[in-house]
Amino acid sequence: MRTRRPGFWVAALWGLANGVLLAVLAAYGESALVYWLWGSVVVLLEVAALAVLAASRTGPEERSHYRTPAASGACVPPAAAGAALTALSFAYGWWLLTLAIPLLAVAGALAVRSRTARAR
């Protein structure tokens, strides 16, 4: 699947989400310094989005669907996230294990699937 300028949309929507958070801060009546600081972040994000748009117009279409180079490496991101959440559960509470255990199970399933695929 090829799309035109997905990087622009990511940066633009990130800036828009920060604009919504700025509006929430305005509803709670923050100080003027907060408006200036957060507003400058929103402006910088939108400028970065425009820079990405300008850069993407000069190049070819971007690929938005990537394949894992090796099937055995597909289990690494969920395993790393599960291990990090397990380590953080010692500091922030055991409730993080409710997120870590399913991630570790997915990593295990992906590892078993890649080994059985190589064995065929």
Protein backbone atom coordinates (compact mmCIF):
# COMPACT_ATOMS: atom_id res chain seq x y z
CA MET A 1 0.00 0.00 0.00
CA ARG A 2 1.43 3.35 -0.99
CA THR A 3 0.21 6.62 0.41
CA ARG A 4 1.29 10.13 -0.20
CA ARG A 5 3.01 11.96 2.69
CA PRO A 6 2.02 9.94 5.78
CA GLY A 7 4.87 11.57 7.71
CA PHE A 8 3.24 14.95 7.30
CA TRP A 9 -0.03 13.67 8.74
CA VAL A 10 1.72 12.17 11.76
CA ALA A 11 3.46 15.44 12.61
CA ALA A 12 0.39 17.56 11.88
CA LEU A 13 -1.93 15.42 14.00
CA TRP A 14 0.64 15.40 16.81
CA GLY A 15 0.61 19.20 16.77
CA LEU A 16 -3.18 19.21 16.63
CA ALA A 17 -3.37 16.91 19.67
CA ASN A 18 -1.09 19.27 21.57
CA GLY A 19 -3.37 22.14 20.54
CA VAL A 20 -6.30 20.27 22.08
CA LEU A 21 -4.29 19.82 25.29
CA LEU A 22 -3.54 23.54 25.25
CA ALA A 23 -7.26 24.24 25.01
CA VAL A 24 -7.84 21.97 28.03
CA LEU A 25 -5.24 23.96 29.96
CA ALA A 26 -7.03 27.15 28.97
CA ALA A 27 -10.29 25.73 30.32
CA TYR A 28 -8.61 25.17 33.68
CA GLY A 29 -7.20 28.71 33.75
CA GLU A 30 -3.45 28.19 33.75
CA SER A 31 -0.94 31.04 33.89
CA ALA A 32 0.19 33.00 30.85
CA LEU A 33 3.63 31.38 30.93
CA VAL A 34 2.06 27.96 30.37
CA TYR A 35 0.16 29.28 27.34
CA TRP A 36 3.34 30.76 25.86
CA LEU A 37 5.40 27.61 26.41
CA TRP A 38 2.81 25.10 25.24
CA GLY A 39 1.69 27.33 22.41
CA SER A 40 5.27 27.58 21.16
CA VAL A 41 5.47 23.79 21.18
CA VAL A 42 2.30 23.59 19.07
CA VAL A 43 3.70 26.14 16.62
CA LEU A 44 7.04 24.29 16.39
CA LEU A 45 5.26 21.00 15.72
CA GLU A 46 3.20 22.52 12.94
CA VAL A 47 6.31 24.12 11.42
CA ALA A 48 7.99 20.71 11.56
CA ALA A 49 4.93 19.22 9.82
CA LEU A 50 5.23 21.79 7.07
CA ALA A 51 8.94 20.99 6.72
CA VAL A 52 8.09 17.30 6.38
CA LEU A 53 5.45 18.15 3.79
CA ALA A 54 7.93 20.23 1.79
CA ALA A 55 10.55 17.49 1.96
CA SER A 56 8.10 14.77 0.96
CA ARG A 57 6.90 16.68 -2.09
CA THR A 58 10.38 16.56 -3.59
CA GLY A 59 10.75 12.78 -3.18
CA PRO A 60 8.86 9.75 -4.46
CA GLU A 61 5.85 8.19 -2.79
CA GLU A 62 6.53 6.73 0.64
CA ARG A 63 5.91 3.17 1.63
CA SER A 64 3.64 2.92 4.61
CA HIS A 65 3.68 -0.87 4.89
CA TYR A 66 6.94 -2.45 5.98
CA ARG A 67 7.80 -6.09 6.31
CA THR A 68 9.98 -7.50 9.06
CA PRO A 69 13.34 -8.38 7.52
CA ALA A 70 13.62 -11.62 9.50
CA ALA A 71 10.65 -13.50 10.89
CA SER A 72 12.63 -14.42 13.99
CA GLY A 73 13.01 -10.73 14.90
CA ALA A 74 9.28 -10.11 15.10
CA CYS A 75 9.14 -11.24 18.72
CA VAL A 76 11.73 -8.71 19.95
CA PRO A 77 9.56 -5.53 20.29
CA PRO A 78 6.77 -7.16 22.36
CA ALA A 79 9.35 -9.02 24.45
CA ALA A 80 11.24 -5.79 25.15
CA ALA A 81 8.05 -3.93 26.07
CA GLY A 82 6.93 -6.81 28.31
CA ALA A 83 10.29 -6.95 30.04
CA ALA A 84 10.29 -3.18 30.59
CA LEU A 85 6.77 -3.27 32.05
CA THR A 86 7.75 -6.18 34.29
CA ALA A 87 10.72 -4.19 35.60
CA LEU A 88 8.55 -1.10 36.10
CA SER A 89 5.99 -3.12 38.05
CA PHE A 90 8.46 -3.36 40.94
CA ALA A 91 8.47 0.42 41.24
CA TYR A 92 4.94 1.40 40.18
CA GLY A 93 2.86 -1.55 41.29
CA TRP A 94 1.93 -5.04 40.32
CA TRP A 95 -0.96 -3.85 38.16
CA LEU A 96 1.56 -3.33 35.33
CA LEU A 97 1.85 -7.10 35.09
CA THR A 98 -1.64 -7.11 33.58
CA LEU A 99 -0.05 -5.35 30.61
CA ALA A 100 3.29 -7.18 30.66
CA ILE A 101 2.04 -10.77 30.72
CA PRO A 102 -0.01 -10.53 27.48
CA LEU A 103 2.92 -8.85 25.73
CA LEU A 104 5.26 -11.61 26.84
CA ALA A 105 2.71 -14.20 25.67
CA VAL A 106 2.55 -12.54 22.23
CA ALA A 107 6.34 -12.52 22.07
CA GLY A 108 6.45 -16.20 22.94
CA ALA A 109 3.82 -17.04 20.33
CA LEU A 110 5.73 -15.11 17.67
CA ALA A 111 8.98 -16.85 18.61
CA VAL A 112 7.34 -20.30 18.40
CA ARG A 113 5.70 -19.41 15.09
CA SER A 114 8.98 -18.28 13.54
CA ARG A 115 10.75 -21.47 14.66
CA THR A 116 8.05 -23.72 13.24
CA ALA A 117 8.12 -21.73 9.98
CA ARG A 118 11.89 -22.23 9.69
CA ALA A 119 11.56 -25.95 10.45
CA ARG A 120 9.27 -26.53 7.46
